[in-house]
PDB file of N, CA and C in Angstrom:
ATOM      1  N   MET A   1      -1.247  -0.354 -12.009  1.00  0.00           N
ATOM      2  CA  MET A   1      -1.591   0.548 -12.538  1.00  0.00           C
ATOM      3  C   MET A   1      -0.967   1.479 -11.264  1.00  0.00           C
ATOM      4  N   PHE A   2       0.204   1.965 -12.124  1.00  0.00           N
ATOM      5  CA  PHE A   2       1.690   2.407 -11.040  1.00  0.00           C
ATOM      6  C   PHE A   2       0.994   3.904 -10.733  1.00  0.00           C
ATOM      7  N   GLY A   3       1.077   3.770  -9.060  1.00  0.00           N
ATOM      8  CA  GLY A   3       0.597   5.332  -7.968  1.00  0.00           C
ATOM      9  C   GLY A   3      -0.645   4.535  -7.611  1.00  0.00           C
ATOM     10  N   CYS A   4      -1.687   3.627  -8.366  1.00  0.00           N
ATOM     11  CA  CYS A   4      -2.894   3.034  -7.427  1.00  0.00           C
ATOM     12  C   CYS A   4      -2.746   3.157  -6.148  1.00  0.00           C
ATOM     13  N   ALA A   5      -4.100   2.984  -5.253  1.00  0.00           N
ATOM     14  CA  ALA A   5      -4.568   2.878  -4.252  1.00  0.00           C
ATOM     15  C   ALA A   5      -4.035   1.063  -4.147  1.00  0.00           C
ATOM     16  N   VAL A   6      -3.261   0.594  -2.929  1.00  0.00           N
ATOM     17  CA  VAL A   6      -2.931  -1.574  -2.839  1.00  0.00           C
ATOM     18  C   VAL A   6      -3.274  -0.837  -0.946  1.00  0.00           C
ATOM     19  N   TYR A   7      -4.167  -1.831  -1.319  1.00  0.00           N
ATOM     20  CA  TYR A   7      -4.891  -2.397   0.336  1.00  0.00           C
ATOM     21  C   TYR A   7      -3.698  -3.672   0.719  1.00  0.00           C
ATOM     22  N   VAL A   8      -2.608  -3.703   1.638  1.00  0.00           N
ATOM     23  CA  VAL A   8      -1.978  -4.295   2.370  1.00  0.00           C
ATOM     24  C   VAL A   8      -2.109  -4.754   3.682  1.00  0.00           C
ATOM     25  N   PRO A   9      -1.821  -5.774   3.775  1.00  0.00           N
ATOM     26  CA  PRO A   9      -2.847  -6.537   5.224  1.00  0.00           C
ATOM     27  C   PRO A   9      -1.124  -5.964   6.032  1.00  0.00           C
ATOM     28  N   ILE A  10      -1.814  -5.676   7.564  1.00  0.00           N
ATOM     29  CA  ILE A  10      -1.276  -5.602   8.592  1.00  0.00           C
ATOM     30  C   ILE A  10      -0.725  -6.499   9.330  1.00  0.00           C
ATOM     31  N   ALA A  11       0.619  -6.752   9.472  1.00  0.00           N
ATOM     32  CA  ALA A  11       1.011  -8.396  10.282  1.00  0.00           C
ATOM     33  C   ALA A  11       0.454  -8.421  11.456  1.00  0.00           C
ATOM     34  N   PRO A  12       0.357  -9.335  11.596  1.00  0.00           N
ATOM     35  CA  PRO A  12      -0.237  -9.961  12.855  1.00  0.00           C
ATOM     36  C   PRO A  12       0.106  -8.454  14.516  1.00  0.00           C
ATOM     37  N   PRO A  13       1.418  -8.818  14.293  1.00  0.00           N
ATOM     38  CA  PRO A  13       1.677  -8.152  15.940  1.00  0.00           C
ATOM     39  C   PRO A  13       1.314  -6.329  15.992  1.00  0.00           C
ATOM     40  N   GLN A  14       1.249  -6.126  14.947  1.00  0.00           N
ATOM     41  CA  GLN A  14       0.731  -4.457  14.940  1.00  0.00           C
ATOM     42  C   GLN A  14      -0.354  -4.441  14.932  1.00  0.00           C
ATOM     43  N   ARG A  15      -1.495  -5.470  14.469  1.00  0.00           N
ATOM     44  CA  ARG A  15      -3.168  -5.608  14.416  1.00  0.00           C
ATOM     45  C   ARG A  15      -3.998  -5.831  15.216  1.00  0.00           C
ATOM     46  N   THR A  16      -4.628  -5.530  15.569  1.00  0.00           N
ATOM     47  CA  THR A  16      -6.118  -6.142  16.639  1.00  0.00           C
ATOM     48  C   THR A  16      -7.054  -6.815  16.010  1.00  0.00           C
ATOM     49  N   LYS A  17      -8.111  -7.827  17.048  1.00  0.00           N
ATOM     50  CA  LYS A  17      -9.223  -8.405  16.358  1.00  0.00           C
ATOM     51  C   LYS A  17     -10.355  -7.488  15.859  1.00  0.00           C
ATOM     52  N   MET A  18     -10.237  -6.674  16.092  1.00  0.00           N
ATOM     53  CA  MET A  18     -11.265  -5.440  16.153  1.00  0.00           C
ATOM     54  C   MET A  18     -10.741  -4.131  15.785  1.00  0.00           C
ATOM     55  N   GLY A  19      -9.493  -4.078  15.352  1.00  0.00           N
ATOM     56  CA  GLY A  19      -9.020  -2.830  14.656  1.00  0.00           C
ATOM     57  C   GLY A  19      -8.301  -3.017  12.870  1.00  0.00           C
ATOM     58  N   PRO A  20      -8.379  -1.983  12.378  1.00  0.00           N
ATOM     59  CA  PRO A  20      -8.383  -2.439  10.919  1.00  0.00           C
ATOM     60  C   PRO A  20      -6.796  -3.609  10.291  1.00  0.00           C
ATOM     61  N   GLN A  21      -7.858  -4.139   9.697  1.00  0.00           N
ATOM     62  CA  GLN A  21      -6.920  -5.025   8.560  1.00  0.00           C
ATOM     63  C   GLN A  21      -6.259  -5.417   7.443  1.00  0.00           C
ATOM     64  N   ARG A  22      -5.499  -4.379   6.616  1.00  0.00           N
ATOM     65  CA  ARG A  22      -5.358  -3.677   6.235  1.00  0.00           C
ATOM     66  C   ARG A  22      -4.667  -2.337   6.184  1.00  0.00           C
ATOM     67  N   ARG A  23      -3.910  -1.036   5.025  1.00  0.00           N
ATOM     68  CA  ARG A  23      -3.732  -0.096   5.651  1.00  0.00           C
ATOM     69  C   ARG A  23      -3.657  -0.384   3.697  1.00  0.00           C
ATOM     70  N   ARG A  24      -4.204   1.374   3.147  1.00  0.00           N
ATOM     71  CA  ARG A  24      -4.030   1.784   1.745  1.00  0.00           C
ATOM     72  C   ARG A  24      -2.594   2.488   2.104  1.00  0.00           C
ATOM     73  N   GLU A  25      -2.124   2.517   1.087  1.00  0.00           N
ATOM     74  CA  GLU A  25      -0.832   2.989   0.397  1.00  0.00           C
ATOM     75  C   GLU A  25      -0.359   2.920  -1.120  1.00  0.00           C
ATOM     76  N   ILE A  26       0.856   2.903  -1.486  1.00  0.00           N
ATOM     77  CA  ILE A  26       0.629   3.393  -3.173  1.00  0.00           C
ATOM     78  C   ILE A  26       1.352   2.441  -3.913  1.00  0.00           C
ATOM     79  N   TYR A  27       1.126   1.688  -4.807  1.00  0.00           N
ATOM     80  CA  TYR A  27       1.709   0.753  -5.250  1.00  0.00           C
ATOM     81  C   TYR A  27       2.986   1.250  -6.751  1.00  0.00           C
ATOM     82  N   ILE A  28       4.116   0.792  -6.303  1.00  0.00           N
ATOM     83  CA  ILE A  28       4.756   1.658  -7.323  1.00  0.00           C
ATOM     84  C   ILE A  28       5.372   0.591  -8.266  1.00  0.00           C
ATOM     85  N   GLY A  29       5.612  -1.361  -7.952  1.00  0.00           N
ATOM     86  CA  GLY A  29       5.655  -1.736  -8.759  1.00  0.00           C
ATOM     87  C   GLY A  29       6.267  -3.869  -8.786  1.00  0.00           C
ATOM     88  N   PHE A  30       5.941  -4.432  -9.107  1.00  0.00           N
ATOM     89  CA  PHE A  30       6.612  -5.127  -8.949  1.00  0.00           C
ATOM     90  C   PHE A  30       8.615  -5.146  -8.775  1.00  0.00           C
ATOM     91  N   ASP A  31       8.254  -6.301  -8.229  1.00  0.00           N
ATOM     92  CA  ASP A  31       9.693  -6.767  -7.593  1.00  0.00           C
ATOM     93  C   ASP A  31       9.985  -7.893  -8.062  1.00  0.00           C
ATOM     94  N   SER A  32       8.913  -8.737  -7.923  1.00  0.00           N
ATOM     95  CA  SER A  32       8.991 -10.698  -8.643  1.00  0.00           C
ATOM     96  C   SER A  32       7.421 -10.883  -9.367  1.00  0.00           C
ATOM     97  N   PRO A  33       7.950 -11.554  -9.993  1.00  0.00           N
ATOM     98  CA  PRO A  33       6.220 -12.350 -10.401  1.00  0.00           C
ATOM     99  C   PRO A  33       5.332 -11.882  -8.991  1.00  0.00           C
ATOM    100  N   SER A  34       6.042 -12.379  -8.353  1.00  0.00           N
ATOM    101  CA  SER A  34       5.162 -12.640  -6.653  1.00  0.00           C
ATOM    102  C   SER A  34       4.981 -11.993  -5.853  1.00  0.00           C
ATOM    103  N   ILE A  35       6.166 -10.534  -5.856  1.00  0.00           N
ATOM    104  CA  ILE A  35       6.337  -9.648  -4.932  1.00  0.00           C
ATOM    105  C   ILE A  35       5.827  -8.498  -5.727  1.00  0.00           C
ATOM    106  N   ILE A  36       5.063  -7.150  -4.694  1.00  0.00           N
ATOM    107  CA  ILE A  36       4.547  -6.065  -5.274  1.00  0.00           C
ATOM    108  C   ILE A  36       5.354  -5.177  -4.849  1.00  0.00           C
ATOM    109  N   THR A  37       6.315  -4.141  -4.941  1.00  0.00           N
ATOM    110  CA  THR A  37       6.970  -2.721  -3.813  1.00  0.00           C
ATOM    111  C   THR A  37       5.585  -1.648  -3.798  1.00  0.00           C
ATOM    112  N   TYR A  38       5.656  -1.158  -2.328  1.00  0.00           N
ATOM    113  CA  TYR A  38       4.518  -0.018  -2.194  1.00  0.00           C
ATOM    114  C   TYR A  38       5.760   0.826  -1.079  1.00  0.00           C
ATOM    115  N   LEU A  39       4.577   2.485  -1.601  1.00  0.00           N
ATOM    116  CA  LEU A  39       5.643   3.375  -0.865  1.00  0.00           C
ATOM    117  C   LEU A  39       4.541   4.083   0.074  1.00  0.00           C
ATOM    118  N   GLU A  40       5.257   3.926   1.415  1.00  0.00           N
ATOM    119  CA  GLU A  40       4.120   4.105   2.637  1.00  0.00           C
ATOM    120  C   GLU A  40       4.236   5.681   2.602  1.00  0.00           C
ATOM    121  N   PRO A  41       3.136   6.337   2.385  1.00  0.00           N
ATOM    122  CA  PRO A  41       3.187   8.147   2.057  1.00  0.00           C
ATOM    123  C   PRO A  41       3.291   8.521   3.345  1.00  0.00           C
ATOM    124  N   LEU A  42       3.138   7.996   4.348  1.00  0.00           N
ATOM    125  CA  LEU A  42       3.454   8.745   5.768  1.00  0.00           C
ATOM    126  C   LEU A  42       4.594   8.954   6.613  1.00  0.00           C
ATOM    127  N   THR A  43       5.802   8.504   6.020  1.00  0.00           N
ATOM    128  CA  THR A  43       6.924   8.180   5.875  1.00  0.00           C
ATOM    129  C   THR A  43       7.660   7.522   4.873  1.00  0.00           C
ATOM    130  N   GLY A  44       7.354   7.578   4.369  1.00  0.00           N
ATOM    131  CA  GLY A  44       8.238   7.308   2.821  1.00  0.00           C
ATOM    132  C   GLY A  44       8.850   6.222   2.675  1.00  0.00           C
ATOM    133  N   ASP A  45       8.899   5.562   2.756  1.00  0.00           N
ATOM    134  CA  ASP A  45       9.815   3.959   3.355  1.00  0.00           C
ATOM    135  C   ASP A  45       9.295   3.159   2.206  1.00  0.00           C
ATOM    136  N   VAL A  46       9.944   2.448   1.274  1.00  0.00           N
ATOM    137  CA  VAL A  46       9.370   1.626   0.363  1.00  0.00           C
ATOM    138  C   VAL A  46       9.535   0.559   0.649  1.00  0.00           C
ATOM    139  N   CYS A  47       8.165  -0.767   0.777  1.00  0.00           N
ATOM    140  CA  CYS A  47       8.139  -1.956   1.628  1.00  0.00           C
ATOM    141  C   CYS A  47       8.133  -3.180  -0.175  1.00  0.00           C
ATOM    142  N   LYS A  48       7.970  -3.854   0.666  1.00  0.00           N
ATOM    143  CA  LYS A  48       7.537  -4.757  -0.289  1.00  0.00           C
ATOM    144  C   LYS A  48       5.959  -6.213   0.246  1.00  0.00           C
ATOM    145  N   ALA A  49       5.481  -6.790   0.013  1.00  0.00           N
ATOM    146  CA  ALA A  49       4.348  -7.407   0.090  1.00  0.00           C
ATOM    147  C   ALA A  49       4.063  -8.812  -1.132  1.00  0.00           C
ATOM    148  N   ARG A  50       3.748  -9.467  -0.873  1.00  0.00           N
ATOM    149  CA  ARG A  50       3.373 -10.387  -1.857  1.00  0.00           C
ATOM    150  C   ARG A  50       1.321  -9.920  -2.431  1.00  0.00           C
ATOM    151  N   PHE A  51       2.066 -10.668  -4.022  1.00  0.00           N
ATOM    152  CA  PHE A  51       0.412 -10.113  -4.633  1.00  0.00           C
ATOM    153  C   PHE A  51      -0.294 -10.156  -4.526  1.00  0.00           C
ATOM    154  N   GLU A  52      -0.780 -11.968  -3.621  1.00  0.00           N
ATOM    155  CA  GLU A  52      -1.332 -11.870  -3.691  1.00  0.00           C
ATOM    156  C   GLU A  52      -2.680 -11.810  -2.405  1.00  0.00           C
ATOM    157  N   ASP A  53      -1.483 -11.567  -1.271  1.00  0.00           N
ATOM    158  CA  ASP A  53      -2.077 -10.425  -0.052  1.00  0.00           C
ATOM    159  C   ASP A  53      -2.673  -9.359  -0.787  1.00  0.00           C
ATOM    160  N   CYS A  54      -2.677  -8.802  -1.220  1.00  0.00           N
ATOM    161  CA  CYS A  54      -2.869  -7.683  -1.592  1.00  0.00           C
ATOM    162  C   CYS A  54      -4.254  -7.103  -2.663  1.00  0.00           C
ATOM    163  N   HIS A  55      -4.562  -5.842  -2.348  1.00  0.00           N
ATOM    164  CA  HIS A  55      -5.768  -5.326  -3.486  1.00  0.00           C
ATOM    165  C   HIS A  55      -5.920  -4.000  -4.222  1.00  0.00           C
ATOM    166  N   PHE A  56      -5.584  -4.309  -4.884  1.00  0.00           N
ATOM    167  CA  PHE A  56      -5.633  -2.913  -6.085  1.00  0.00           C
ATOM    168  C   PHE A  56      -6.813  -1.827  -5.730  1.00  0.00           C
ATOM    169  N   ASP A  57      -6.998  -0.627  -6.314  1.00  0.00           N
ATOM    170  CA  ASP A  57      -7.829  -0.227  -6.420  1.00  0.00           C
ATOM    171  C   ASP A  57      -7.435   0.748  -7.488  1.00  0.00           C
ATOM    172  N   GLU A  58      -8.014   1.145  -8.764  1.00  0.00           N
ATOM    173  CA  GLU A  58      -7.148   1.118  -9.530  1.00  0.00           C
ATOM    174  C   GLU A  58      -8.144   2.941 -10.024  1.00  0.00           C
ATOM    175  N   ARG A  59      -8.762   2.670  -9.525  1.00  0.00           N
ATOM    176  CA  ARG A  59      -9.773   4.462  -9.122  1.00  0.00           C
ATOM    177  C   ARG A  59      -9.436   4.942  -8.457  1.00  0.00           C
ATOM    178  N   ILE A  60      -8.371   4.808  -7.470  1.00  0.00           N
ATOM    179  CA  ILE A  60      -7.326   5.994  -5.916  1.00  0.00           C
ATOM    180  C   ILE A  60      -6.132   6.158  -6.814  1.00  0.00           C
ATOM    181  N   PHE A  61      -6.024   7.442  -6.508  1.00  0.00           N
ATOM    182  CA  PHE A  61      -4.750   7.739  -6.593  1.00  0.00           C
ATOM    183  C   PHE A  61      -3.733   8.565  -6.002  1.00  0.00           C
ATOM    184  N   GLN A  62      -4.024   8.962  -4.857  1.00  0.00           N
ATOM    185  CA  GLN A  62      -3.374   9.444  -3.409  1.00  0.00           C
ATOM    186  C   GLN A  62      -1.995  10.060  -4.141  1.00  0.00           C
ATOM    187  N   SER A  63      -1.841  11.645  -3.878  1.00  0.00           N
ATOM    188  CA  SER A  63      -0.926  12.691  -3.729  1.00  0.00           C
ATOM    189  C   SER A  63       0.149  12.409  -2.940  1.00  0.00           C
ATOM    190  N   LEU A  64       0.992  13.128  -2.940  1.00  0.00           N
ATOM    191  CA  LEU A  64       1.740  12.901  -2.362  1.00  0.00           C
ATOM    192  C   LEU A  64       2.673  14.066  -2.273  1.00  0.00           C
ATOM    193  N   GLY A  65       2.685  15.334  -2.587  1.00  0.00           N
ATOM    194  CA  GLY A  65       2.676  16.761  -1.822  1.00  0.00           C
ATOM    195  C   GLY A  65       1.733  16.940  -0.989  1.00  0.00           C
ATOM    196  N   GLY A  66       1.824  18.424  -0.707  1.00  0.00           N
ATOM    197  CA  GLY A  66       1.006  18.958   0.033  1.00  0.00           C
ATOM    198  C   GLY A  66      -0.252  19.901  -0.793  1.00  0.00           C
ATOM    199  N   ASP A  67      -0.968  20.312   0.328  1.00  0.00           N
ATOM    200  CA  ASP A  67      -2.246  20.954  -0.828  1.00  0.00           C
ATOM    201  C   ASP A  67      -1.198  22.203  -1.638  1.00  0.00           C
ATOM    202  N   LYS A  68      -1.791  22.508  -2.802  1.00  0.00           N
ATOM    203  CA  LYS A  68      -1.459  23.812  -3.133  1.00  0.00           C
ATOM    204  C   LYS A  68      -2.557  25.057  -3.648  1.00  0.00           C
ATOM    205  N   SER A  69      -2.820  25.491  -1.860  1.00  0.00           N
ATOM    206  CA  SER A  69      -3.716  26.809  -2.463  1.00  0.00           C
ATOM    207  C   SER A  69      -3.361  27.097  -1.967  1.00  0.00           C
TER     208      SER A  69
END
Protein backbone atom coordinates (compact mmCIF):
# COMPACT_ATOMS: atom_id res chain seq x y z
CA MET A 1 0.00 0.00 0.00
CA PHE A 2 1.33 3.42 -0.97
CA GLY A 3 3.09 5.16 1.92
CA CYS A 4 3.55 2.11 4.15
CA ALA A 5 6.85 1.11 5.71
CA VAL A 6 9.08 -1.17 3.69
CA TYR A 7 12.22 -2.80 5.04
CA VAL A 8 14.89 -2.96 2.34
CA PRO A 9 18.19 -4.82 2.63
CA ILE A 10 21.35 -2.84 3.29
CA ALA A 11 24.00 -3.51 0.65
CA PRO A 12 26.95 -5.61 1.89
CA PRO A 13 29.56 -2.80 1.73
CA GLN A 14 27.48 -0.63 4.13
CA ARG A 15 26.38 -3.31 6.61
CA THR A 16 28.31 -5.22 9.24
CA LYS A 17 27.81 -8.71 10.62
CA MET A 18 26.53 -7.47 13.96
CA GLY A 19 24.69 -4.40 12.65
CA PRO A 20 21.23 -4.07 11.13
CA GLN A 21 20.57 -5.99 7.92
CA ARG A 22 17.62 -3.84 6.76
CA ARG A 23 16.48 -0.24 7.03
CA ARG A 24 12.96 1.16 7.11
CA GLU A 25 11.94 3.29 4.16
CA ILE A 26 8.65 4.50 2.64
CA TYR A 27 7.09 2.51 -0.20
CA ILE A 28 5.96 4.69 -3.13
CA GLY A 29 5.21 2.26 -5.96
CA PHE A 30 6.23 -0.36 -8.50
CA ASP A 31 8.76 0.31 -11.24
CA SER A 32 8.13 -3.09 -12.85
CA PRO A 33 6.56 -6.36 -11.63
CA SER A 34 9.74 -7.29 -9.75
CA ILE A 35 11.13 -3.84 -8.80
CA ILE A 36 9.69 -1.40 -6.24
CA THR A 37 10.51 2.25 -5.65
CA TYR A 38 10.88 3.68 -2.19
CA LEU A 39 11.71 6.98 -0.56
CA GLU A 40 14.52 7.52 1.92
CA PRO A 41 12.89 9.97 4.36
CA LEU A 42 16.14 11.43 5.73
CA THR A 43 17.65 12.35 2.36
CA GLY A 44 14.57 12.55 0.13
CA ASP A 45 16.16 10.20 -2.42
CA VAL A 46 14.01 7.85 -4.49
CA CYS A 47 15.61 4.41 -4.88
CA LYS A 48 14.75 0.98 -6.23
CA ALA A 49 14.92 -2.54 -4.80
CA ARG A 50 13.86 -6.04 -5.76
CA PHE A 51 10.35 -6.87 -4.55
CA GLU A 52 11.28 -10.32 -3.21
CA ASP A 53 14.06 -8.86 -1.01
CA CYS A 54 11.74 -6.39 0.79
CA HIS A 55 9.37 -6.79 3.72
CA PHE A 56 6.27 -4.60 3.88
CA ASP A 57 4.55 -3.48 7.08
CA GLU A 58 1.15 -2.00 6.23
CA ARG A 59 0.49 -1.12 9.88
CA ILE A 60 3.14 1.64 9.84
CA PHE A 61 2.79 4.87 7.86
CA GLN A 62 5.62 7.32 8.43
CA SER A 63 5.08 11.07 8.22
CA LEU A 64 7.31 13.18 6.01
CA GLY A 65 6.83 16.56 7.67
CA GLY A 66 8.08 17.77 11.01
CA ASP A 67 6.05 17.83 14.21
CA LYS A 68 3.30 20.46 13.87
CA SER A 69 2.81 21.32 17.53
